[in-house]
mmCIF file of all heavy atoms, coordinates in Angstrom:
data_MODEL
# 
_entry.id   MODEL 
# 
loop_
_atom_site.group_PDB 
_atom_site.id 
_atom_site.type_symbol 
_atom_site.label_atom_id 
_atom_site.label_alt_id 
_atom_site.label_comp_id 
_atom_site.label_asym_id 
_atom_site.label_entity_id 
_atom_site.label_seq_id 
_atom_site.pdbx_PDB_ins_code 
_atom_site.Cartn_x 
_atom_site.Cartn_y 
_atom_site.Cartn_z 
_atom_site.occupancy 
_atom_site.B_iso_or_equiv 
_atom_site.pdbx_formal_charge 
_atom_site.auth_seq_id 
_atom_site.auth_comp_id 
_atom_site.auth_asym_id 
_atom_site.auth_atom_id 
_atom_site.pdbx_PDB_model_num 
ATOM 1   N N   . VAL A 1 1  ? 53.853 209.762 -14.348 1.00 0.00 ? 1  VAL A N   1 
ATOM 2   C CA  . VAL A 1 1  ? 53.328 211.124 -14.305 1.00 0.00 ? 1  VAL A CA  1 
ATOM 3   C C   . VAL A 1 1  ? 52.747 211.462 -12.927 1.00 0.00 ? 1  VAL A C   1 
ATOM 4   O O   . VAL A 1 1  ? 52.964 212.556 -12.413 1.00 0.00 ? 1  VAL A O   1 
ATOM 5   C CB  . VAL A 1 1  ? 52.275 211.331 -15.416 1.00 0.00 ? 1  VAL A CB  1 
ATOM 6   C CG1 . VAL A 1 1  ? 51.635 212.700 -15.322 1.00 0.00 ? 1  VAL A CG1 1 
ATOM 7   C CG2 . VAL A 1 1  ? 52.932 211.147 -16.783 1.00 0.00 ? 1  VAL A CG2 1 
ATOM 8   N N   . THR A 1 2  ? 52.022 210.524 -12.327 1.00 0.00 ? 2  THR A N   1 
ATOM 9   C CA  . THR A 1 2  ? 51.419 210.749 -11.007 1.00 0.00 ? 2  THR A CA  1 
ATOM 10  C C   . THR A 1 2  ? 51.700 209.543 -10.112 1.00 0.00 ? 2  THR A C   1 
ATOM 11  O O   . THR A 1 2  ? 50.826 208.697 -9.921  1.00 0.00 ? 2  THR A O   1 
ATOM 12  C CB  . THR A 1 2  ? 49.895 210.987 -11.108 1.00 0.00 ? 2  THR A CB  1 
ATOM 13  O OG1 . THR A 1 2  ? 49.306 209.878 -11.791 1.00 0.00 ? 2  THR A OG1 1 
ATOM 14  C CG2 . THR A 1 2  ? 49.565 212.269 -11.830 1.00 0.00 ? 2  THR A CG2 1 
ATOM 15  N N   . PRO A 1 3  ? 52.907 209.445 -9.594  1.00 0.00 ? 3  PRO A N   1 
ATOM 16  C CA  . PRO A 1 3  ? 53.282 208.278 -8.785  1.00 0.00 ? 3  PRO A CA  1 
ATOM 17  C C   . PRO A 1 3  ? 52.334 208.084 -7.602  1.00 0.00 ? 3  PRO A C   1 
ATOM 18  O O   . PRO A 1 3  ? 51.887 209.040 -6.988  1.00 0.00 ? 3  PRO A O   1 
ATOM 19  C CB  . PRO A 1 3  ? 54.688 208.608 -8.290  1.00 0.00 ? 3  PRO A CB  1 
ATOM 20  C CG  . PRO A 1 3  ? 55.146 209.782 -9.062  1.00 0.00 ? 3  PRO A CG  1 
ATOM 21  C CD  . PRO A 1 3  ? 53.950 210.444 -9.647  1.00 0.00 ? 3  PRO A CD  1 
ATOM 22  N N   . GLY A 1 4  ? 52.038 206.813 -7.317  1.00 0.00 ? 4  GLY A N   1 
ATOM 23  C CA  . GLY A 1 4  ? 51.204 206.500 -6.162  1.00 0.00 ? 4  GLY A CA  1 
ATOM 24  C C   . GLY A 1 4  ? 49.710 206.525 -6.425  1.00 0.00 ? 4  GLY A C   1 
ATOM 25  O O   . GLY A 1 4  ? 48.917 206.272 -5.523  1.00 0.00 ? 4  GLY A O   1 
ATOM 26  N N   . THR A 1 5  ? 49.303 206.817 -7.657  1.00 0.00 ? 5  THR A N   1 
ATOM 27  C CA  . THR A 1 5  ? 47.877 206.803 -7.967  1.00 0.00 ? 5  THR A CA  1 
ATOM 28  C C   . THR A 1 5  ? 47.308 205.411 -7.718  1.00 0.00 ? 5  THR A C   1 
ATOM 29  O O   . THR A 1 5  ? 46.190 205.265 -7.234  1.00 0.00 ? 5  THR A O   1 
ATOM 30  C CB  . THR A 1 5  ? 47.632 207.230 -9.429  1.00 0.00 ? 5  THR A CB  1 
ATOM 31  O OG1 . THR A 1 5  ? 48.168 208.539 -9.621  1.00 0.00 ? 5  THR A OG1 1 
ATOM 32  C CG2 . THR A 1 5  ? 46.158 207.231 -9.772  1.00 0.00 ? 5  THR A CG2 1 
ATOM 33  N N   . TYR A 1 6  ? 48.081 204.396 -8.036  1.00 0.00 ? 6  TYR A N   1 
ATOM 34  C CA  . TYR A 1 6  ? 47.708 203.002 -7.778  1.00 0.00 ? 6  TYR A CA  1 
ATOM 35  C C   . TYR A 1 6  ? 48.786 202.385 -6.898  1.00 0.00 ? 6  TYR A C   1 
ATOM 36  O O   . TYR A 1 6  ? 49.962 202.740 -7.006  1.00 0.00 ? 6  TYR A O   1 
ATOM 37  C CB  . TYR A 1 6  ? 47.566 202.218 -9.089  1.00 0.00 ? 6  TYR A CB  1 
ATOM 38  C CG  . TYR A 1 6  ? 46.463 202.766 -9.955  1.00 0.00 ? 6  TYR A CG  1 
ATOM 39  C CD1 . TYR A 1 6  ? 46.731 203.692 -10.953 1.00 0.00 ? 6  TYR A CD1 1 
ATOM 40  C CD2 . TYR A 1 6  ? 45.145 202.383 -9.748  1.00 0.00 ? 6  TYR A CD2 1 
ATOM 41  C CE1 . TYR A 1 6  ? 45.713 204.224 -11.733 1.00 0.00 ? 6  TYR A CE1 1 
ATOM 42  C CE2 . TYR A 1 6  ? 44.114 202.904 -10.523 1.00 0.00 ? 6  TYR A CE2 1 
ATOM 43  C CZ  . TYR A 1 6  ? 44.406 203.823 -11.501 1.00 0.00 ? 6  TYR A CZ  1 
ATOM 44  O OH  . TYR A 1 6  ? 43.396 204.335 -12.263 1.00 0.00 ? 6  TYR A OH  1 
ATOM 45  N N   . ARG A 1 7  ? 48.394 201.465 -6.032  1.00 0.00 ? 7  ARG A N   1 
ATOM 46  C CA  . ARG A 1 7  ? 49.351 200.822 -5.125  1.00 0.00 ? 7  ARG A CA  1 
ATOM 47  C C   . ARG A 1 7  ? 50.329 199.932 -5.873  1.00 0.00 ? 7  ARG A C   1 
ATOM 48  O O   . ARG A 1 7  ? 51.470 199.771 -5.453  1.00 0.00 ? 7  ARG A O   1 
ATOM 49  C CB  . ARG A 1 7  ? 48.612 200.004 -4.071  1.00 0.00 ? 7  ARG A CB  1 
ATOM 50  C CG  . ARG A 1 7  ? 47.814 200.857 -3.095  1.00 0.00 ? 7  ARG A CG  1 
ATOM 51  C CD  . ARG A 1 7  ? 47.186 200.023 -1.984  1.00 0.00 ? 7  ARG A CD  1 
ATOM 52  N NE  . ARG A 1 7  ? 46.258 199.014 -2.445  1.00 0.00 ? 7  ARG A NE  1 
ATOM 53  C CZ  . ARG A 1 7  ? 44.962 199.212 -2.672  1.00 0.00 ? 7  ARG A CZ  1 
ATOM 54  N NH1 . ARG A 1 7  ? 44.436 200.393 -2.473  1.00 0.00 ? 7  ARG A NH1 1 
ATOM 55  N NH2 . ARG A 1 7  ? 44.200 198.224 -3.094  1.00 0.00 ? 7  ARG A NH2 1 
ATOM 56  N N   . SER A 1 8  ? 49.892 199.356 -6.987  1.00 0.00 ? 8  SER A N   1 
ATOM 57  C CA  . SER A 1 8  ? 50.731 198.426 -7.736  1.00 0.00 ? 8  SER A CA  1 
ATOM 58  C C   . SER A 1 8  ? 50.078 198.169 -9.093  1.00 0.00 ? 8  SER A C   1 
ATOM 59  O O   . SER A 1 8  ? 48.945 198.593 -9.351  1.00 0.00 ? 8  SER A O   1 
ATOM 60  C CB  . SER A 1 8  ? 50.855 197.096 -6.981  1.00 0.00 ? 8  SER A CB  1 
ATOM 61  O OG  . SER A 1 8  ? 49.578 196.479 -6.891  1.00 0.00 ? 8  SER A OG  1 
ATOM 62  N N   . GLN A 1 9  ? 50.796 197.410 -9.918  1.00 0.00 ? 9  GLN A N   1 
ATOM 63  C CA  . GLN A 1 9  ? 50.234 196.982 -11.207 1.00 0.00 ? 9  GLN A CA  1 
ATOM 64  C C   . GLN A 1 9  ? 48.981 196.143 -10.956 1.00 0.00 ? 9  GLN A C   1 
ATOM 65  O O   . GLN A 1 9  ? 47.985 196.276 -11.665 1.00 0.00 ? 9  GLN A O   1 
ATOM 66  C CB  . GLN A 1 9  ? 51.271 196.176 -11.989 1.00 0.00 ? 9  GLN A CB  1 
ATOM 67  C CG  . GLN A 1 9  ? 50.751 195.603 -13.290 1.00 0.00 ? 9  GLN A CG  1 
ATOM 68  C CD  . GLN A 1 9  ? 50.765 196.591 -14.433 1.00 0.00 ? 9  GLN A CD  1 
ATOM 69  O OE1 . GLN A 1 9  ? 51.795 197.208 -14.679 1.00 0.00 ? 9  GLN A OE1 1 
ATOM 70  N NE2 . GLN A 1 9  ? 49.672 196.732 -15.152 1.00 0.00 ? 9  GLN A NE2 1 
ATOM 71  N N   . LEU A 1 10 ? 49.033 195.300 -9.947  1.00 0.00 ? 10 LEU A N   1 
ATOM 72  C CA  . LEU A 1 10 ? 47.881 194.462 -9.622  1.00 0.00 ? 10 LEU A CA  1 
ATOM 73  C C   . LEU A 1 10 ? 46.670 195.315 -9.249  1.00 0.00 ? 10 LEU A C   1 
ATOM 74  O O   . LEU A 1 10 ? 45.546 195.040 -9.677  1.00 0.00 ? 10 LEU A O   1 
ATOM 75  C CB  . LEU A 1 10 ? 48.222 193.489 -8.484  1.00 0.00 ? 10 LEU A CB  1 
ATOM 76  C CG  . LEU A 1 10 ? 47.086 192.586 -8.018  1.00 0.00 ? 10 LEU A CG  1 
ATOM 77  C CD1 . LEU A 1 10 ? 46.597 191.682 -9.148  1.00 0.00 ? 10 LEU A CD1 1 
ATOM 78  C CD2 . LEU A 1 10 ? 47.545 191.742 -6.824  1.00 0.00 ? 10 LEU A CD2 1 
ATOM 79  N N   . HIS A 1 11 ? 46.876 196.368 -8.476  1.00 0.00 ? 11 HIS A N   1 
ATOM 80  C CA  . HIS A 1 11 ? 45.785 197.271 -8.102  1.00 0.00 ? 11 HIS A CA  1 
ATOM 81  C C   . HIS A 1 11 ? 45.177 197.922 -9.346  1.00 0.00 ? 11 HIS A C   1 
ATOM 82  O O   . HIS A 1 11 ? 43.956 197.986 -9.508  1.00 0.00 ? 11 HIS A O   1 
ATOM 83  C CB  . HIS A 1 11 ? 46.310 198.331 -7.118  1.00 0.00 ? 11 HIS A CB  1 
ATOM 84  C CG  . HIS A 1 11 ? 45.268 199.312 -6.682  1.00 0.00 ? 11 HIS A CG  1 
ATOM 85  N ND1 . HIS A 1 11 ? 45.550 200.638 -6.489  1.00 0.00 ? 11 HIS A ND1 1 
ATOM 86  C CD2 . HIS A 1 11 ? 43.952 199.176 -6.405  1.00 0.00 ? 11 HIS A CD2 1 
ATOM 87  C CE1 . HIS A 1 11 ? 44.456 201.284 -6.117  1.00 0.00 ? 11 HIS A CE1 1 
ATOM 88  N NE2 . HIS A 1 11 ? 43.464 200.405 -6.058  1.00 0.00 ? 11 HIS A NE2 1 
ATOM 89  N N   . PHE A 1 12 ? 46.047 198.391 -10.252 1.00 0.00 ? 12 PHE A N   1 
ATOM 90  C CA  . PHE A 1 12 ? 45.579 198.980 -11.504 1.00 0.00 ? 12 PHE A CA  1 
ATOM 91  C C   . PHE A 1 12 ? 44.756 197.963 -12.290 1.00 0.00 ? 12 PHE A C   1 
ATOM 92  O O   . PHE A 1 12 ? 43.659 198.262 -12.766 1.00 0.00 ? 12 PHE A O   1 
ATOM 93  C CB  . PHE A 1 12 ? 46.773 199.456 -12.336 1.00 0.00 ? 12 PHE A CB  1 
ATOM 94  C CG  . PHE A 1 12 ? 46.401 199.960 -13.704 1.00 0.00 ? 12 PHE A CG  1 
ATOM 95  C CD1 . PHE A 1 12 ? 45.944 201.250 -13.880 1.00 0.00 ? 12 PHE A CD1 1 
ATOM 96  C CD2 . PHE A 1 12 ? 46.500 199.132 -14.815 1.00 0.00 ? 12 PHE A CD2 1 
ATOM 97  C CE1 . PHE A 1 12 ? 45.594 201.718 -15.142 1.00 0.00 ? 12 PHE A CE1 1 
ATOM 98  C CE2 . PHE A 1 12 ? 46.153 199.587 -16.082 1.00 0.00 ? 12 PHE A CE2 1 
ATOM 99  C CZ  . PHE A 1 12 ? 45.706 200.882 -16.242 1.00 0.00 ? 12 PHE A CZ  1 
ATOM 100 N N   . ASN A 1 13 ? 45.300 196.731 -12.418 1.00 0.00 ? 13 ASN A N   1 
ATOM 101 C CA  . ASN A 1 13 ? 44.588 195.686 -13.168 1.00 0.00 ? 13 ASN A CA  1 
ATOM 102 C C   . ASN A 1 13 ? 43.243 195.373 -12.546 1.00 0.00 ? 13 ASN A C   1 
ATOM 103 O O   . ASN A 1 13 ? 42.240 195.196 -13.250 1.00 0.00 ? 13 ASN A O   1 
ATOM 104 C CB  . ASN A 1 13 ? 45.430 194.415 -13.242 1.00 0.00 ? 13 ASN A CB  1 
ATOM 105 C CG  . ASN A 1 13 ? 46.633 194.564 -14.144 1.00 0.00 ? 13 ASN A CG  1 
ATOM 106 O OD1 . ASN A 1 13 ? 46.755 195.546 -14.891 1.00 0.00 ? 13 ASN A OD1 1 
ATOM 107 N ND2 . ASN A 1 13 ? 47.536 193.622 -14.076 1.00 0.00 ? 13 ASN A ND2 1 
ATOM 108 N N   . THR A 1 14 ? 43.197 195.301 -11.226 1.00 0.00 ? 14 THR A N   1 
ATOM 109 C CA  . THR A 1 14 ? 41.945 195.009 -10.532 1.00 0.00 ? 14 THR A CA  1 
ATOM 110 C C   . THR A 1 14 ? 40.891 196.076 -10.826 1.00 0.00 ? 14 THR A C   1 
ATOM 111 O O   . THR A 1 14 ? 39.715 195.767 -11.003 1.00 0.00 ? 14 THR A O   1 
ATOM 112 C CB  . THR A 1 14 ? 42.182 194.909 -9.012  1.00 0.00 ? 14 THR A CB  1 
ATOM 113 O OG1 . THR A 1 14 ? 43.161 193.896 -8.777  1.00 0.00 ? 14 THR A OG1 1 
ATOM 114 C CG2 . THR A 1 14 ? 40.911 194.577 -8.270  1.00 0.00 ? 14 THR A CG2 1 
ATOM 115 N N   . CYS A 1 15 ? 41.322 197.316 -10.902 1.00 0.00 ? 15 CYS A N   1 
ATOM 116 C CA  . CYS A 1 15 ? 40.387 198.426 -11.149 1.00 0.00 ? 15 CYS A CA  1 
ATOM 117 C C   . CYS A 1 15 ? 39.966 198.550 -12.611 1.00 0.00 ? 15 CYS A C   1 
ATOM 118 O O   . CYS A 1 15 ? 38.839 198.948 -12.887 1.00 0.00 ? 15 CYS A O   1 
ATOM 119 C CB  . CYS A 1 15 ? 41.023 199.742 -10.718 1.00 0.00 ? 15 CYS A CB  1 
ATOM 120 S SG  . CYS A 1 15 ? 41.299 199.904 -8.958  1.00 0.00 ? 15 CYS A SG  1 
ATOM 121 N N   . HIS A 1 16 ? 40.860 198.221 -13.550 1.00 0.00 ? 16 HIS A N   1 
ATOM 122 C CA  . HIS A 1 16 ? 40.603 198.611 -14.934 1.00 0.00 ? 16 HIS A CA  1 
ATOM 123 C C   . HIS A 1 16 ? 40.752 197.539 -16.004 1.00 0.00 ? 16 HIS A C   1 
ATOM 124 O O   . HIS A 1 16 ? 40.407 197.783 -17.152 1.00 0.00 ? 16 HIS A O   1 
ATOM 125 C CB  . HIS A 1 16 ? 41.535 199.764 -15.327 1.00 0.00 ? 16 HIS A CB  1 
ATOM 126 C CG  . HIS A 1 16 ? 41.409 200.953 -14.448 1.00 0.00 ? 16 HIS A CG  1 
ATOM 127 N ND1 . HIS A 1 16 ? 40.300 201.752 -14.420 1.00 0.00 ? 16 HIS A ND1 1 
ATOM 128 C CD2 . HIS A 1 16 ? 42.259 201.460 -13.525 1.00 0.00 ? 16 HIS A CD2 1 
ATOM 129 C CE1 . HIS A 1 16 ? 40.463 202.723 -13.544 1.00 0.00 ? 16 HIS A CE1 1 
ATOM 130 N NE2 . HIS A 1 16 ? 41.656 202.565 -12.986 1.00 0.00 ? 16 HIS A NE2 1 
ATOM 131 N N   . VAL A 1 17 ? 41.300 196.400 -15.668 1.00 0.00 ? 17 VAL A N   1 
ATOM 132 C CA  . VAL A 1 17 ? 41.604 195.415 -16.705 1.00 0.00 ? 17 VAL A CA  1 
ATOM 133 C C   . VAL A 1 17 ? 40.711 194.197 -16.528 1.00 0.00 ? 17 VAL A C   1 
ATOM 134 O O   . VAL A 1 17 ? 40.520 193.707 -15.430 1.00 0.00 ? 17 VAL A O   1 
ATOM 135 C CB  . VAL A 1 17 ? 43.091 194.991 -16.649 1.00 0.00 ? 17 VAL A CB  1 
ATOM 136 C CG1 . VAL A 1 17 ? 43.389 193.933 -17.697 1.00 0.00 ? 17 VAL A CG1 1 
ATOM 137 C CG2 . VAL A 1 17 ? 43.985 196.208 -16.850 1.00 0.00 ? 17 VAL A CG2 1 
ATOM 138 N N   . GLU A 1 18 ? 40.161 193.742 -17.632 1.00 0.00 ? 18 GLU A N   1 
ATOM 139 C CA  . GLU A 1 18 ? 39.355 192.526 -17.615 1.00 0.00 ? 18 GLU A CA  1 
ATOM 140 C C   . GLU A 1 18 ? 40.095 191.458 -18.402 1.00 0.00 ? 18 GLU A C   1 
ATOM 141 O O   . GLU A 1 18 ? 40.472 191.665 -19.545 1.00 0.00 ? 18 GLU A O   1 
ATOM 142 C CB  . GLU A 1 18 ? 37.993 192.788 -18.261 1.00 0.00 ? 18 GLU A CB  1 
ATOM 143 C CG  . GLU A 1 18 ? 37.103 191.586 -18.270 1.00 0.00 ? 18 GLU A CG  1 
ATOM 144 C CD  . GLU A 1 18 ? 35.733 191.893 -18.855 1.00 0.00 ? 18 GLU A CD  1 
ATOM 145 O OE1 . GLU A 1 18 ? 35.294 193.044 -18.809 1.00 0.00 ? 18 GLU A OE1 1 
ATOM 146 O OE2 . GLU A 1 18 ? 35.120 190.949 -19.383 1.00 0.00 ? 18 GLU A OE2 1 
ATOM 147 N N   . PHE A 1 19 ? 40.353 190.352 -17.749 1.00 0.00 ? 19 PHE A N   1 
ATOM 148 C CA  . PHE A 1 19 ? 41.041 189.245 -18.405 1.00 0.00 ? 19 PHE A CA  1 
ATOM 149 C C   . PHE A 1 19 ? 40.006 188.210 -18.805 1.00 0.00 ? 19 PHE A C   1 
ATOM 150 O O   . PHE A 1 19 ? 39.136 187.871 -18.020 1.00 0.00 ? 19 PHE A O   1 
ATOM 151 C CB  . PHE A 1 19 ? 42.067 188.604 -17.454 1.00 0.00 ? 19 PHE A CB  1 
ATOM 152 C CG  . PHE A 1 19 ? 43.225 189.497 -17.133 1.00 0.00 ? 19 PHE A CG  1 
ATOM 153 C CD1 . PHE A 1 19 ? 43.193 190.352 -16.049 1.00 0.00 ? 19 PHE A CD1 1 
ATOM 154 C CD2 . PHE A 1 19 ? 44.350 189.493 -17.941 1.00 0.00 ? 19 PHE A CD2 1 
ATOM 155 C CE1 . PHE A 1 19 ? 44.259 191.174 -15.758 1.00 0.00 ? 19 PHE A CE1 1 
ATOM 156 C CE2 . PHE A 1 19 ? 45.434 190.305 -17.658 1.00 0.00 ? 19 PHE A CE2 1 
ATOM 157 C CZ  . PHE A 1 19 ? 45.385 191.156 -16.559 1.00 0.00 ? 19 PHE A CZ  1 
ATOM 158 N N   . LYS A 1 20 ? 40.104 187.733 -20.011 1.00 0.00 ? 20 LYS A N   1 
ATOM 159 C CA  . LYS A 1 20 ? 39.200 186.690 -20.479 1.00 0.00 ? 20 LYS A CA  1 
ATOM 160 C C   . LYS A 1 20 ? 40.032 185.581 -21.092 1.00 0.00 ? 20 LYS A C   1 
ATOM 161 O O   . LYS A 1 20 ? 40.971 185.836 -21.828 1.00 0.00 ? 20 LYS A O   1 
ATOM 162 C CB  . LYS A 1 20 ? 38.227 187.228 -21.537 1.00 0.00 ? 20 LYS A CB  1 
ATOM 163 C CG  . LYS A 1 20 ? 37.218 188.199 -21.013 1.00 0.00 ? 20 LYS A CG  1 
ATOM 164 C CD  . LYS A 1 20 ? 36.236 188.589 -22.104 1.00 0.00 ? 20 LYS A CD  1 
ATOM 165 C CE  . LYS A 1 20 ? 35.202 189.531 -21.541 1.00 0.00 ? 20 LYS A CE  1 
ATOM 166 N NZ  . LYS A 1 20 ? 34.210 189.902 -22.531 1.00 0.00 ? 20 LYS A NZ  1 
ATOM 167 N N   . ASP A 1 21 ? 39.674 184.366 -20.777 1.00 0.00 ? 21 ASP A N   1 
ATOM 168 C CA  . ASP A 1 21 ? 40.321 183.224 -21.423 1.00 0.00 ? 21 ASP A CA  1 
ATOM 169 C C   . ASP A 1 21 ? 39.490 182.848 -22.631 1.00 0.00 ? 21 ASP A C   1 
ATOM 170 O O   . ASP A 1 21 ? 38.292 182.604 -22.516 1.00 0.00 ? 21 ASP A O   1 
ATOM 171 C CB  . ASP A 1 21 ? 40.404 182.026 -20.471 1.00 0.00 ? 21 ASP A CB  1 
ATOM 172 C CG  . ASP A 1 21 ? 41.493 182.202 -19.435 1.00 0.00 ? 21 ASP A CG  1 
ATOM 173 O OD1 . ASP A 1 21 ? 42.401 183.010 -19.684 1.00 0.00 ? 21 ASP A OD1 1 
ATOM 174 O OD2 . ASP A 1 21 ? 41.434 181.541 -18.392 1.00 0.00 ? 21 ASP A OD2 1 
ATOM 175 N N   . ILE A 1 22 ? 40.122 182.854 -23.793 1.00 0.00 ? 22 ILE A N   1 
ATOM 176 C CA  . ILE A 1 22 ? 39.419 182.468 -25.004 1.00 0.00 ? 22 ILE A CA  1 
ATOM 177 C C   . ILE A 1 22 ? 40.157 181.281 -25.612 1.00 0.00 ? 22 ILE A C   1 
ATOM 178 O O   . ILE A 1 22 ? 41.390 181.221 -25.575 1.00 0.00 ? 22 ILE A O   1 
ATOM 179 C CB  . ILE A 1 22 ? 39.327 183.626 -26.018 1.00 0.00 ? 22 ILE A CB  1 
ATOM 180 C CG1 . ILE A 1 22 ? 40.732 184.130 -26.396 1.00 0.00 ? 22 ILE A CG1 1 
ATOM 181 C CG2 . ILE A 1 22 ? 38.489 184.774 -25.487 1.00 0.00 ? 22 ILE A CG2 1 
ATOM 182 C CD1 . ILE A 1 22 ? 40.736 185.057 -27.563 1.00 0.00 ? 22 ILE A CD1 1 
ATOM 183 N N   . PRO A 1 23 ? 39.429 180.336 -26.141 1.00 0.00 ? 23 PRO A N   1 
ATOM 184 C CA  . PRO A 1 23 ? 40.110 179.193 -26.756 1.00 0.00 ? 23 PRO A CA  1 
ATOM 185 C C   . PRO A 1 23 ? 40.718 179.601 -28.092 1.00 0.00 ? 23 PRO A C   1 
ATOM 186 O O   . PRO A 1 23 ? 40.102 180.321 -28.872 1.00 0.00 ? 23 PRO A O   1 
ATOM 187 C CB  . PRO A 1 23 ? 38.989 178.175 -26.937 1.00 0.00 ? 23 PRO A CB  1 
ATOM 188 C CG  . PRO A 1 23 ? 37.737 178.979 -26.936 1.00 0.00 ? 23 PRO A CG  1 
ATOM 189 C CD  . PRO A 1 23 ? 37.992 180.225 -26.146 1.00 0.00 ? 23 PRO A CD  1 
ATOM 190 N N   . THR A 1 24 ? 41.930 179.186 -28.312 1.00 0.00 ? 24 THR A N   1 
ATOM 191 C CA  . THR A 1 24 ? 42.589 179.485 -29.585 1.00 0.00 ? 24 THR A CA  1 
ATOM 192 C C   . THR A 1 24 ? 43.186 178.209 -30.151 1.00 0.00 ? 24 THR A C   1 
ATOM 193 O O   . THR A 1 24 ? 43.530 177.291 -29.416 1.00 0.00 ? 24 THR A O   1 
ATOM 194 C CB  . THR A 1 24 ? 43.720 180.519 -29.402 1.00 0.00 ? 24 THR A CB  1 
ATOM 195 O OG1 . THR A 1 24 ? 44.641 180.018 -28.450 1.00 0.00 ? 24 THR A OG1 1 
ATOM 196 C CG2 . THR A 1 24 ? 43.179 181.849 -28.951 1.00 0.00 ? 24 THR A CG2 1 
ATOM 197 N N   . ARG A 1 25 ? 43.302 178.182 -31.452 1.00 0.00 ? 25 ARG A N   1 
ATOM 198 C CA  . ARG A 1 25 ? 43.927 177.032 -32.105 1.00 0.00 ? 25 ARG A CA  1 
ATOM 199 C C   . ARG A 1 25 ? 45.422 177.280 -32.128 1.00 0.00 ? 25 ARG A C   1 
ATOM 200 O O   . ARG A 1 25 ? 45.885 178.296 -32.617 1.00 0.00 ? 25 ARG A O   1 
ATOM 201 C CB  . ARG A 1 25 ? 43.389 176.885 -33.522 1.00 0.00 ? 25 ARG A CB  1 
ATOM 202 C CG  . ARG A 1 25 ? 41.938 176.447 -33.557 1.00 0.00 ? 25 ARG A CG  1 
ATOM 203 C CD  . ARG A 1 25 ? 41.406 176.447 -34.974 1.00 0.00 ? 25 ARG A CD  1 
ATOM 204 N NE  . ARG A 1 25 ? 42.285 175.785 -35.924 1.00 0.00 ? 25 ARG A NE  1 
ATOM 205 C CZ  . ARG A 1 25 ? 42.093 174.557 -36.406 1.00 0.00 ? 25 ARG A CZ  1 
ATOM 206 N NH1 . ARG A 1 25 ? 41.026 173.881 -36.048 1.00 0.00 ? 25 ARG A NH1 1 
ATOM 207 N NH2 . ARG A 1 25 ? 42.934 174.018 -37.262 1.00 0.00 ? 25 ARG A NH2 1 
# 
């Protein structure tokens, strides 16, 4: 919809995504 808003997927993730490692069985 708005190309160029973020430089890349990584840029978007850095700004908005939180990754957490959780232990799973």
